[in-house]
Amino acid sequence: MKTTTKKFPMMTLAVAVAASIALTGVSGYFVLQPGNSEEILQNSAQGKGTADDDTSRGDAQKTVEYTLVGENTTLEIAPGVRVEAWTYNGTIPGPVLRATEGDRVVLHFINKTPMSHTIHLHGDHDEKDDGVFQVVKPGETYTYDFIAGPPGALMYHCHVMPVTQHIRMGLYGALIVDPKEGLSPAREYVLVAGEYDTKDQVTNNPEYVFFNGYADQYWDHPLEVKTNETVRVYYVNMGASPAYGFHIHGTIFDAYASGIWENTPMKVQTWEVAAGNGAIFEAKWPWEGRYLFHLHGLPEEKGTMAYFNVTNAPTSAVDGVDIAKTKSINMIGWQEDLARKLQKQDASGTPSVDASLSESPHGGHQMMDGVNGNNGKEANKKVEAGSAVPVQTNTVVMPKGAAADDSKSFEPSSITVNAGTTVTWRNDDNTFHIVASKAEGVFASDLISQKKTFEHTFAEQGTYDYYCSLHPWMTGTVNVK
């Protein structure tokens, strides 16, 4: 629990975008120009703290710097089950980001995938650091720069539509902000609930529900706790399912609603956490034993069965190393090492179940322009009969399901118009799209929502190739005579 009941003041947010990232406004939408990825990669992927001499940043205590790299790979999510994954730094979830309230957080994102992605951060920050409209295209970089707050268990994830698919493929992680006043001693763990379905990543009934990217991993590798020692769990729910209850056996435990330290804790037997929300749990046991924790309901049968292994500390136990009496013990590094070991990251690996080749309409995405896909495999893109033959029309449709099915594209994909014609693109899909020319600066829409349109008048003859920058397998051509 907190060492004080003081209410936390709202932080004054000061935001600066790193000078190495150039932002160019196009129709109110930010298009990112490539930054120096190699220079950014020199920063620690686990974070780097430095003294902050910039007094213009108000209450900032220090600067904490992180680098997240978007990578497509394959991972194991259960024994013998290898799947395609979209990741931050090669694991599901991405690394835990941690700072203290008032710290300046500088977060570099390098997108090395064949798709557009973002990092949406929960917490207090302005729109430039919210990770929605500033879409980071393949091969480009973006720097988020914000003041950490409020204190609690927060999260980050990709916010490119369909968001459920981008999250389930692995683009998410935990963001922990510690209160300036400090915390009472505890043994600390992080649990990030996630989901995966090998046939349909936007189903409402996923095959796997798990903690930290691997089914039932804390059954074979239980979380160690000592008797009468407080265990603190930072829990965030990155699933898309209903709000299942988080249950701990053998104790009535404290829960901080929404994972915010400012909230008054409640004594609970089970605590419901909805998708996109969090909680902080604190528990202790005076008895040795194995005490289960899991999500009550269907998820406990799909990969969330786990337990705390509670044992007596030896008389020679070192405070802060073997037992948390007056000093906390951070177990998060151990958890991240275990996840890497179990997931066996392999960018060239072969999935045991290849969702991208299944009969489901929600297969994995391939790289644009007919080049190789996520894992070096030849693109399995379907082409509609006659789609390469230009059609005389000035209307193009984004069909329903195109955002989740890489066999679908603009309809028709190639059109012919006369110079001076205005072409209209209509979104019949159930999510957002963007229409952007492949040649920089010719034309680009803002986010096009359902049943909305975008228009562009072609004044000069020529061939204009374009694509959806959110779903780059969607490509098209306008031939102007």
Protein backbone atom coordinates (compact mmCIF):
# COMPACT_ATOMS: atom_id res chain seq x y z
CA MET A 1 0.00 0.00 0.00
CA LYS A 2 1.00 3.62 -0.26
CA THR A 3 3.03 5.22 2.49
CA THR A 4 0.70 8.25 2.55
CA THR A 5 -2.94 9.09 1.91
CA LYS A 6 -2.03 12.36 0.22
CA LYS A 7 -4.08 13.13 -2.90
CA PHE A 8 -1.96 13.32 -6.04
CA PRO A 9 -2.18 16.66 -7.88
CA MET A 10 -2.73 16.64 -11.62
CA MET A 11 0.57 17.07 -13.44
CA THR A 12 1.21 20.03 -15.71
CA LEU A 13 2.09 18.37 -18.96
CA ALA A 14 4.96 19.66 -21.10
CA VAL A 15 5.49 17.85 -24.36
CA ALA A 16 8.29 18.15 -26.89
CA VAL A 17 8.81 15.97 -29.96
CA ALA A 18 12.43 15.00 -30.59
CA ALA A 19 14.12 17.13 -33.26
CA SER A 20 15.27 14.06 -35.16
CA ILE A 21 11.67 13.24 -36.13
CA ALA A 22 10.21 15.46 -38.86
CA LEU A 23 6.42 15.88 -38.88
CA THR A 24 4.66 17.01 -42.04
CA GLY A 25 0.95 17.86 -41.90
CA VAL A 26 -1.16 16.40 -44.69
CA SER A 27 -4.87 17.22 -44.51
CA GLY A 28 -4.66 17.34 -40.72
CA TYR A 29 -2.96 13.94 -40.62
CA PHE A 30 0.67 13.61 -39.57
CA VAL A 31 2.96 11.74 -41.95
CA LEU A 32 6.23 10.71 -40.36
CA GLN A 33 9.51 10.96 -42.19
CA PRO A 34 12.18 8.34 -41.41
CA GLY A 35 14.46 9.19 -38.50
CA ASN A 36 17.87 7.83 -37.61
CA SER A 37 16.91 4.36 -36.39
CA GLU A 38 20.45 3.20 -35.70
CA GLU A 39 21.11 6.17 -33.44
CA ILE A 40 17.88 5.58 -31.57
CA LEU A 41 18.64 1.88 -31.18
CA GLN A 42 21.69 2.78 -29.11
CA ASN A 43 19.31 3.64 -26.29
CA SER A 44 18.48 0.88 -23.86
CA ALA A 45 15.37 -1.12 -24.73
CA GLN A 46 14.79 -1.47 -20.99
CA GLY A 47 15.00 2.25 -20.29
CA LYS A 48 17.69 4.74 -19.42
CA GLY A 49 17.35 7.32 -16.65
CA THR A 50 19.30 10.58 -16.64
CA ALA A 51 19.27 13.77 -14.64
CA ASP A 52 17.10 16.39 -16.31
CA ASP A 53 18.68 19.86 -16.44
CA ASP A 54 15.84 21.35 -18.51
CA THR A 55 14.12 23.54 -15.93
CA SER A 56 11.45 24.50 -18.48
CA ARG A 57 9.82 21.11 -17.91
CA GLY A 58 8.40 22.16 -14.56
CA ASP A 59 8.18 19.36 -12.01
CA ALA A 60 10.11 16.79 -14.04
CA GLN A 61 12.42 14.84 -11.69
CA LYS A 62 14.54 13.06 -14.27
CA THR A 63 14.40 11.77 -17.83
CA VAL A 64 13.65 8.10 -18.44
CA GLU A 65 14.32 6.94 -22.01
CA TYR A 66 13.00 3.82 -23.72
CA THR A 67 13.16 2.38 -27.23
CA LEU A 68 10.49 0.04 -28.59
CA VAL A 69 11.03 -1.65 -31.95
CA GLY A 70 8.08 -3.01 -33.90
CA GLU A 71 9.05 -6.49 -35.11
CA ASN A 72 7.19 -9.32 -36.84
CA THR A 73 8.26 -12.72 -35.64
CA THR A 74 6.98 -16.10 -34.46
CA LEU A 75 6.55 -17.06 -30.81
CA GLU A 76 5.28 -19.98 -28.79
CA ILE A 77 2.17 -19.10 -26.78
CA ALA A 78 1.68 -22.60 -25.34
CA PRO A 79 3.75 -25.80 -25.43
CA GLY A 80 4.24 -26.67 -29.12
CA VAL A 81 1.96 -23.86 -30.34
CA ARG A 82 4.00 -21.44 -32.47
CA VAL A 83 2.17 -18.48 -34.00
CA GLU A 84 2.82 -15.33 -35.97
CA ALA A 85 3.25 -12.32 -33.72
CA TRP A 86 3.52 -8.55 -34.09
CA THR A 87 5.63 -7.36 -31.20
CA TYR A 88 7.37 -4.55 -29.40
CA ASN A 89 10.96 -5.77 -28.93
CA GLY A 90 10.22 -9.38 -29.87
CA THR A 91 7.97 -10.61 -27.04
CA ILE A 92 4.33 -10.68 -25.99
CA PRO A 93 3.75 -8.45 -24.12
CA GLY A 94 6.39 -5.80 -24.81
CA PRO A 95 8.79 -4.76 -22.03
CA VAL A 96 7.44 -3.16 -18.88
CA LEU A 97 7.94 0.61 -18.99
CA ARG A 98 8.40 2.18 -15.57
CA ALA A 99 8.85 5.73 -14.31
CA THR A 100 8.12 7.85 -11.26
CA GLU A 101 5.35 10.43 -11.18
CA GLY A 102 6.72 13.65 -12.63
CA ASP A 103 9.51 12.02 -14.64
CA ARG A 104 9.98 13.04 -18.25
CA VAL A 105 9.52 9.91 -20.36
CA VAL A 106 11.11 9.86 -23.83
CA LEU A 107 9.86 6.85 -25.77
CA HIS A 108 11.30 6.10 -29.23
CA PHE A 109 9.28 3.85 -31.53
CA ILE A 110 10.99 2.30 -34.57
CA ASN A 111 8.61 0.46 -36.89
CA LYS A 112 10.49 -2.39 -38.59
CA THR A 113 7.32 -4.20 -39.66
CA PRO A 114 5.60 -4.15 -43.07
CA MET A 115 2.53 -2.44 -41.58
CA SER A 116 1.68 0.88 -39.96
CA HIS A 117 1.53 0.91 -36.15
CA THR A 118 1.44 3.29 -33.20
CA ILE A 119 1.96 3.28 -29.44
CA HIS A 120 -1.11 4.50 -27.57
CA LEU A 121 -0.31 5.26 -23.92
CA HIS A 122 -2.87 5.32 -21.13
CA GLY A 123 -2.49 8.23 -18.69
CA ASP A 124 -2.16 12.00 -18.86
CA HIS A 125 -0.60 13.48 -22.01
CA ASP A 126 -1.51 15.59 -25.01
CA GLU A 127 -2.70 14.45 -28.44
CA LYS A 128 0.77 14.32 -30.04
CA ASP A 129 1.70 11.63 -27.52
CA ASP A 130 -1.57 9.70 -27.65
CA GLY A 131 -0.56 7.33 -30.45
CA VAL A 132 -3.65 7.47 -32.65
CA PHE A 133 -3.40 10.03 -35.45
CA GLN A 134 0.40 9.97 -35.71
CA VAL A 135 0.53 6.67 -37.58
CA VAL A 136 4.09 5.34 -37.93
CA LYS A 137 4.54 3.77 -41.34
CA PRO A 138 6.94 0.89 -42.15
CA GLY A 139 10.59 1.89 -41.76
CA GLU A 140 9.81 5.10 -39.92
CA THR A 141 10.25 6.36 -36.36
CA TYR A 142 8.39 8.49 -33.86
CA THR A 143 9.29 9.84 -30.42
CA TYR A 144 6.74 10.25 -27.64
CA ASP A 145 7.75 12.78 -24.98
CA PHE A 146 5.56 13.25 -21.90
CA ILE A 147 5.46 13.64 -18.12
CA ALA A 148 4.65 10.40 -16.25
CA GLY A 149 1.30 10.37 -14.51
CA PRO A 150 -0.96 9.54 -12.83
CA PRO A 151 0.68 6.98 -10.51
CA GLY A 152 -0.60 3.47 -11.09
CA ALA A 153 -0.78 0.42 -13.35
CA LEU A 154 -1.30 1.74 -16.86
CA MET A 155 -0.72 0.24 -20.31
CA TYR A 156 0.36 0.87 -23.89
CA HIS A 157 -0.76 -0.71 -27.15
CA CYS A 158 -1.08 -0.18 -30.89
CA HIS A 159 -4.13 1.82 -31.91
CA VAL A 160 -4.25 1.13 -35.66
CA MET A 161 -7.63 -0.30 -36.70
CA PRO A 162 -8.80 -2.97 -36.30
CA VAL A 163 -7.38 -2.38 -32.81
CA THR A 164 -8.46 -5.79 -31.47
CA GLN A 165 -6.40 -7.55 -34.12
CA HIS A 166 -3.27 -5.42 -33.60
CA ILE A 167 -3.45 -5.99 -29.84
CA ARG A 168 -4.14 -9.72 -30.04
CA MET A 169 -1.22 -10.15 -32.41
CA GLY A 170 0.97 -8.89 -29.56
CA LEU A 171 1.38 -5.10 -29.70
CA TYR A 172 0.80 -4.21 -26.05
CA GLY A 173 2.51 -3.91 -22.68
CA ALA A 174 2.39 -2.46 -19.15
CA LEU A 175 3.31 1.08 -18.10
CA ILE A 176 3.91 1.51 -14.35
CA VAL A 177 4.09 4.95 -12.78
CA ASP A 178 5.27 5.00 -9.15
CA PRO A 179 4.07 7.76 -6.77
CA LYS A 180 6.66 10.37 -5.78
CA GLU A 181 6.11 9.55 -2.10
CA GLY A 182 7.22 5.96 -2.61
CA LEU A 183 5.50 2.70 -1.72
CA SER A 184 5.52 0.37 1.25
CA PRO A 185 7.71 -2.77 0.91
CA ALA A 186 6.32 -5.58 -1.23
CA ARG A 187 7.33 -8.32 -3.64
CA GLU A 188 6.21 -6.95 -7.00
CA TYR A 189 4.91 -8.78 -10.08
CA VAL A 190 3.24 -7.63 -13.31
CA LEU A 191 0.44 -9.57 -15.00
CA VAL A 192 -0.74 -8.52 -18.44
CA ALA A 193 -3.80 -10.44 -19.62
CA GLY A 194 -3.88 -11.14 -23.35
CA GLU A 195 -5.66 -13.29 -25.93
CA TYR A 196 -4.89 -15.12 -29.16
CA ASP A 197 -6.92 -17.07 -31.71
CA THR A 198 -5.18 -19.05 -34.43
CA LYS A 199 -8.17 -18.85 -36.80
CA ASP A 200 -9.87 -15.51 -36.19
CA GLN A 201 -8.15 -12.68 -34.31
CA VAL A 202 -11.33 -10.63 -34.01
CA THR A 203 -13.52 -13.41 -32.60
CA ASN A 204 -15.38 -12.82 -29.36
CA ASN A 205 -14.40 -16.31 -28.18
CA PRO A 206 -10.59 -16.58 -28.47
CA GLU A 207 -8.86 -19.93 -28.12
CA TYR A 208 -6.21 -18.66 -25.69
CA VAL A 209 -6.43 -16.29 -22.73
CA PHE A 210 -3.16 -15.94 -20.85
CA PHE A 211 -0.93 -13.88 -18.60
CA ASN A 212 2.23 -12.37 -20.10
CA GLY A 213 1.95 -14.08 -23.47
CA TYR A 214 2.10 -17.77 -22.56
CA ALA A 215 -0.70 -20.09 -21.45
CA ASP A 216 -0.54 -21.38 -17.87
CA GLN A 217 3.12 -20.38 -17.51
CA TYR A 218 2.75 -19.62 -13.80
CA TRP A 219 1.49 -23.12 -13.10
CA ASP A 220 4.80 -24.69 -14.03
CA HIS A 221 6.68 -21.60 -12.82
CA PRO A 222 4.66 -20.32 -9.83
CA LEU A 223 5.13 -16.85 -8.37
CA GLU A 224 7.20 -17.10 -5.21
CA VAL A 225 6.07 -15.33 -2.02
CA LYS A 226 7.14 -15.55 1.63
CA THR A 227 4.70 -15.87 4.54
CA ASN A 228 3.55 -12.52 5.98
CA GLU A 229 5.19 -10.75 3.05
CA THR A 230 3.03 -8.42 0.95
CA VAL A 231 2.80 -9.39 -2.70
CA ARG A 232 1.89 -6.53 -5.05
CA VAL A 233 0.46 -7.34 -8.49
CA TYR A 234 0.22 -4.70 -11.20
CA TYR A 235 -2.53 -6.07 -13.44
CA VAL A 236 -3.66 -4.75 -16.83
CA ASN A 237 -6.22 -6.36 -19.09
CA MET A 238 -5.26 -6.20 -22.76
CA GLY A 239 -7.90 -8.70 -23.80
CA ALA A 240 -11.05 -7.83 -25.74
CA SER A 241 -13.45 -10.12 -23.86
CA PRO A 242 -15.98 -9.18 -21.15
CA ALA A 243 -14.81 -8.15 -17.68
CA TYR A 244 -13.88 -11.41 -16.01
CA GLY A 245 -13.02 -11.45 -12.32
CA PHE A 246 -9.44 -11.77 -11.09
CA HIS A 247 -9.50 -14.18 -8.14
CA ILE A 248 -6.81 -15.04 -5.56
CA HIS A 249 -7.25 -18.09 -3.31
CA GLY A 250 -6.82 -18.21 0.46
CA THR A 251 -7.11 -14.48 1.16
CA ILE A 252 -9.31 -11.44 0.98
CA PHE A 253 -7.06 -8.97 -0.80
CA ASP A 254 -6.83 -5.23 -1.45
CA ALA A 255 -7.76 -3.88 -4.88
CA TYR A 256 -7.03 -0.37 -6.17
CA ALA A 257 -9.71 0.41 -8.76
CA SER A 258 -8.52 1.02 -12.33
CA GLY A 259 -4.93 0.56 -11.15
CA ILE A 260 -4.75 4.15 -9.84
CA TRP A 261 -2.92 4.66 -6.54
CA GLU A 262 -5.05 7.69 -5.70
CA ASN A 263 -8.14 5.47 -5.39
CA THR A 264 -9.05 4.08 -1.98
CA PRO A 265 -8.40 0.31 -1.81
CA MET A 266 -11.26 -2.12 -1.28
CA LYS A 267 -11.23 -5.52 0.43
CA VAL A 268 -12.33 -8.01 -2.22
CA GLN A 269 -12.61 -11.74 -2.90
CA THR A 270 -12.60 -11.25 -6.69
CA TRP A 271 -12.17 -8.07 -8.74
CA GLU A 272 -13.55 -7.46 -12.23
CA VAL A 273 -11.28 -5.67 -14.69
CA ALA A 274 -12.68 -4.74 -18.09
CA ALA A 275 -10.75 -4.72 -21.35
CA GLY A 276 -8.41 -1.73 -21.44
CA ASN A 277 -8.50 -1.27 -17.67
CA GLY A 278 -6.17 -2.18 -14.84
CA ALA A 279 -5.92 -2.80 -11.11
CA ILE A 280 -3.34 -3.09 -8.36
CA PHE A 281 -3.72 -6.01 -5.98
CA GLU A 282 -1.99 -6.52 -2.62
CA ALA A 283 -2.23 -9.78 -0.65
CA LYS A 284 -0.42 -11.80 2.03
CA TRP A 285 -0.69 -15.19 3.71
CA PRO A 286 0.42 -16.26 7.21
CA TRP A 287 0.49 -19.89 6.06
CA GLU A 288 2.69 -21.81 3.67
CA GLY A 289 0.96 -23.35 0.68
CA ARG A 290 0.02 -23.12 -2.97
CA TYR A 291 -2.62 -20.44 -3.53
CA LEU A 292 -4.23 -20.25 -6.97
CA PHE A 293 -4.93 -17.10 -8.93
CA HIS A 294 -6.84 -17.00 -12.22
CA LEU A 295 -9.62 -15.32 -14.15
CA HIS A 296 -12.96 -16.70 -13.01
CA GLY A 297 -15.10 -18.15 -15.78
CA LEU A 298 -14.10 -19.45 -19.19
CA PRO A 299 -10.58 -17.92 -19.21
CA GLU A 300 -9.40 -20.20 -16.40
CA GLU A 301 -9.78 -23.10 -18.84
CA LYS A 302 -7.93 -21.25 -21.62
CA GLY A 303 -4.58 -20.45 -20.05
CA THR A 304 -4.91 -18.34 -16.88
CA MET A 305 -4.49 -21.03 -14.24
CA ALA A 306 -1.58 -20.15 -11.95
CA TYR A 307 -0.57 -20.02 -8.30
CA PHE A 308 1.51 -18.27 -5.67
CA ASN A 309 3.95 -20.60 -3.93
CA VAL A 310 4.07 -19.29 -0.35
CA THR A 311 6.94 -20.52 1.82
CA ASN A 312 8.61 -19.49 5.07
CA ALA A 313 11.71 -17.36 4.73
CA PRO A 314 14.90 -18.86 6.20
CA THR A 315 16.26 -17.26 9.34
CA SER A 316 19.18 -15.97 7.28
CA ALA A 317 16.91 -14.25 4.72
CA VAL A 318 18.32 -10.99 3.40
CA ASP A 319 15.85 -8.10 3.50
CA GLY A 320 15.14 -6.84 0.00
CA VAL A 321 16.73 -9.92 -1.60
CA ASP A 322 15.06 -12.97 -0.04
CA ILE A 323 12.16 -11.27 1.72
CA ALA A 324 10.49 -7.88 1.44
CA LYS A 325 10.39 -6.60 5.02
CA THR A 326 11.65 -3.01 4.75
CA LYS A 327 12.73 -3.10 1.08
CA SER A 328 10.72 -4.08 -1.98
CA ILE A 329 11.74 -6.92 -4.28
CA ASN A 330 11.14 -6.41 -8.01
CA MET A 331 10.34 -9.71 -9.75
CA ILE A 332 9.45 -8.14 -13.11
CA GLY A 333 12.86 -8.85 -14.67
CA TRP A 334 12.49 -12.53 -13.74
CA GLN A 335 9.07 -12.58 -15.40
CA GLU A 336 10.39 -11.01 -18.60
CA ASP A 337 13.29 -13.48 -18.75
CA LEU A 338 10.87 -16.38 -18.27
CA ALA A 339 8.61 -15.12 -21.07
CA ARG A 340 11.56 -14.86 -23.48
CA LYS A 341 12.65 -18.38 -22.60
CA LEU A 342 9.20 -19.89 -23.07
CA GLN A 343 8.21 -17.93 -26.18
CA LYS A 344 11.43 -18.83 -28.07
CA GLN A 345 11.33 -15.88 -30.43
CA ASP A 346 12.24 -16.88 -34.00
CA ALA A 347 11.61 -14.48 -36.87
CA SER A 348 12.17 -17.25 -39.43
CA GLY A 349 10.17 -19.87 -37.54
CA THR A 350 7.24 -21.77 -39.02
CA PRO A 351 3.93 -21.38 -37.17
CA SER A 352 2.38 -24.66 -36.10
CA VAL A 353 -0.99 -23.15 -37.00
CA ASP A 354 -0.77 -20.52 -39.73
CA ALA A 355 -3.71 -18.17 -39.30
CA SER A 356 -2.77 -16.29 -42.47
CA LEU A 357 -3.45 -19.41 -44.56
CA SER A 358 -6.58 -20.56 -42.77
CA GLU A 359 -10.09 -20.43 -44.16
CA SER A 360 -10.92 -17.64 -41.72
CA PRO A 361 -11.62 -14.23 -43.27
CA HIS A 362 -9.30 -12.71 -40.66
CA GLY A 363 -5.91 -14.00 -41.77
CA GLY A 364 -2.54 -12.47 -41.01
CA HIS A 365 -1.45 -9.48 -43.09
CA GLN A 366 1.16 -9.60 -45.81
CA MET A 367 3.57 -6.92 -46.92
CA MET A 368 2.43 -4.45 -49.55
CA ASP A 369 3.48 -4.38 -53.21
CA GLY A 370 3.79 -8.14 -53.59
CA VAL A 371 7.04 -8.54 -51.66
CA ASN A 372 7.56 -11.23 -49.09
CA GLY A 373 5.30 -11.31 -46.05
CA ASN A 374 5.79 -11.33 -42.30
CA ASN A 375 8.19 -14.24 -42.03
CA GLY A 376 9.90 -14.24 -45.41
CA LYS A 377 7.14 -16.35 -46.96
CA GLU A 378 5.83 -15.53 -50.42
CA ALA A 379 2.76 -13.33 -50.11
CA ASN A 380 -0.46 -15.35 -50.20
CA LYS A 381 -2.46 -12.43 -51.52
CA LYS A 382 -5.55 -13.29 -53.56
CA VAL A 383 -6.37 -11.16 -56.58
CA GLU A 384 -9.90 -10.74 -57.81
CA ALA A 385 -10.49 -11.83 -61.39
CA GLY A 386 -10.08 -8.89 -63.73
CA SER A 387 -8.99 -6.51 -60.96
CA ALA A 388 -5.86 -5.52 -62.94
CA VAL A 389 -8.00 -4.32 -65.88
CA PRO A 390 -8.78 -0.60 -65.46
CA VAL A 391 -12.48 0.18 -65.03
CA GLN A 392 -14.01 3.41 -66.36
CA THR A 393 -15.49 4.88 -63.16
CA ASN A 394 -14.94 7.68 -60.70
CA THR A 395 -16.07 5.79 -57.58
CA VAL A 396 -13.97 3.37 -55.51
CA VAL A 397 -15.24 1.36 -52.53
CA MET A 398 -13.42 0.05 -49.46
CA PRO A 399 -15.38 -3.19 -48.99
CA LYS A 400 -16.64 -4.64 -45.74
CA GLY A 401 -14.02 -6.79 -44.01
CA ALA A 402 -11.06 -5.34 -45.92
CA ALA A 403 -9.29 -4.23 -42.74
CA ALA A 404 -9.07 -7.79 -41.45
CA ASP A 405 -8.74 -9.78 -44.69
CA ASP A 406 -5.59 -9.39 -46.79
CA SER A 407 -7.35 -10.88 -49.84
CA LYS A 408 -9.54 -7.78 -50.10
CA SER A 409 -8.58 -4.42 -51.52
CA PHE A 410 -10.14 -1.36 -53.12
CA GLU A 411 -13.01 -2.16 -55.51
CA PRO A 412 -12.21 -1.71 -58.33
CA SER A 413 -8.48 -1.69 -57.72
CA SER A 414 -7.68 0.05 -61.02
CA ILE A 415 -9.77 2.77 -62.63
CA THR A 416 -9.49 5.11 -65.62
CA VAL A 417 -10.74 8.70 -65.61
CA ASN A 418 -10.29 11.81 -67.72
CA ALA A 419 -8.17 14.73 -66.55
CA GLY A 420 -10.24 17.05 -64.37
CA THR A 421 -12.33 14.20 -62.91
CA THR A 422 -13.04 14.03 -59.17
CA VAL A 423 -12.65 10.50 -57.79
CA THR A 424 -14.65 9.50 -54.70
CA TRP A 425 -13.57 6.76 -52.29
CA ARG A 426 -16.36 5.40 -50.05
CA ASN A 427 -15.74 3.37 -46.88
CA ASP A 428 -18.17 0.44 -46.66
CA ASP A 429 -16.00 -1.34 -44.10
CA ASN A 430 -16.71 -1.37 -40.37
CA THR A 431 -13.50 0.41 -39.38
CA PHE A 432 -11.28 3.31 -40.46
CA HIS A 433 -9.18 3.59 -43.63
CA ILE A 434 -6.80 6.13 -45.16
CA VAL A 435 -6.30 6.76 -48.88
CA ALA A 436 -2.78 8.00 -49.64
CA SER A 437 -0.73 8.25 -52.83
CA LYS A 438 2.49 6.25 -52.85
CA ALA A 439 4.22 9.31 -54.24
CA GLU A 440 4.66 11.59 -51.27
CA GLY A 441 2.47 14.68 -51.05
CA VAL A 442 0.19 14.07 -54.06
CA PHE A 443 -2.94 13.28 -52.05
CA ALA A 444 -3.82 11.82 -48.64
CA SER A 445 -7.04 11.58 -46.70
CA ASP A 446 -7.65 11.90 -43.00
CA LEU A 447 -9.18 8.92 -41.19
CA ILE A 448 -12.22 7.83 -43.21
CA SER A 449 -14.88 6.36 -40.94
CA GLN A 450 -17.76 4.07 -41.89
CA LYS A 451 -19.93 5.32 -44.79
CA LYS A 452 -17.79 8.45 -45.14
CA THR A 453 -16.01 9.48 -48.33
CA PHE A 454 -12.84 11.13 -49.55
CA GLU A 455 -12.53 13.01 -52.83
CA HIS A 456 -9.59 14.11 -54.94
CA THR A 457 -9.61 15.86 -58.33
CA PHE A 458 -6.99 14.66 -60.82
CA ALA A 459 -5.99 17.67 -62.92
CA GLU A 460 -3.07 16.16 -64.82
CA GLN A 461 -2.61 13.02 -66.90
CA GLY A 462 -0.59 10.18 -65.48
CA THR A 463 -0.69 7.00 -63.42
CA TYR A 464 -1.34 7.45 -59.70
CA ASP A 465 -0.67 4.48 -57.40
CA TYR A 466 -2.13 4.65 -53.88
CA TYR A 467 -2.77 2.48 -50.82
CA CYS A 468 -4.36 2.47 -47.38
CA SER A 469 -1.58 3.43 -44.99
CA LEU A 470 -3.36 1.59 -42.15
CA HIS A 471 -3.82 -1.63 -44.13
CA PRO A 472 -1.06 -1.60 -46.77
CA TRP A 473 -2.15 -4.74 -48.62
CA MET A 474 -4.98 -2.55 -49.94
CA THR A 475 -3.58 -0.91 -53.09
CA GLY A 476 -5.07 0.77 -56.12
CA THR A 477 -4.32 2.76 -59.25
CA VAL A 478 -5.95 5.76 -60.93
CA ASN A 479 -5.09 6.11 -64.62
CA VAL A 480 -5.74 9.66 -65.80
CA LYS A 481 -6.03 10.30 -69.57
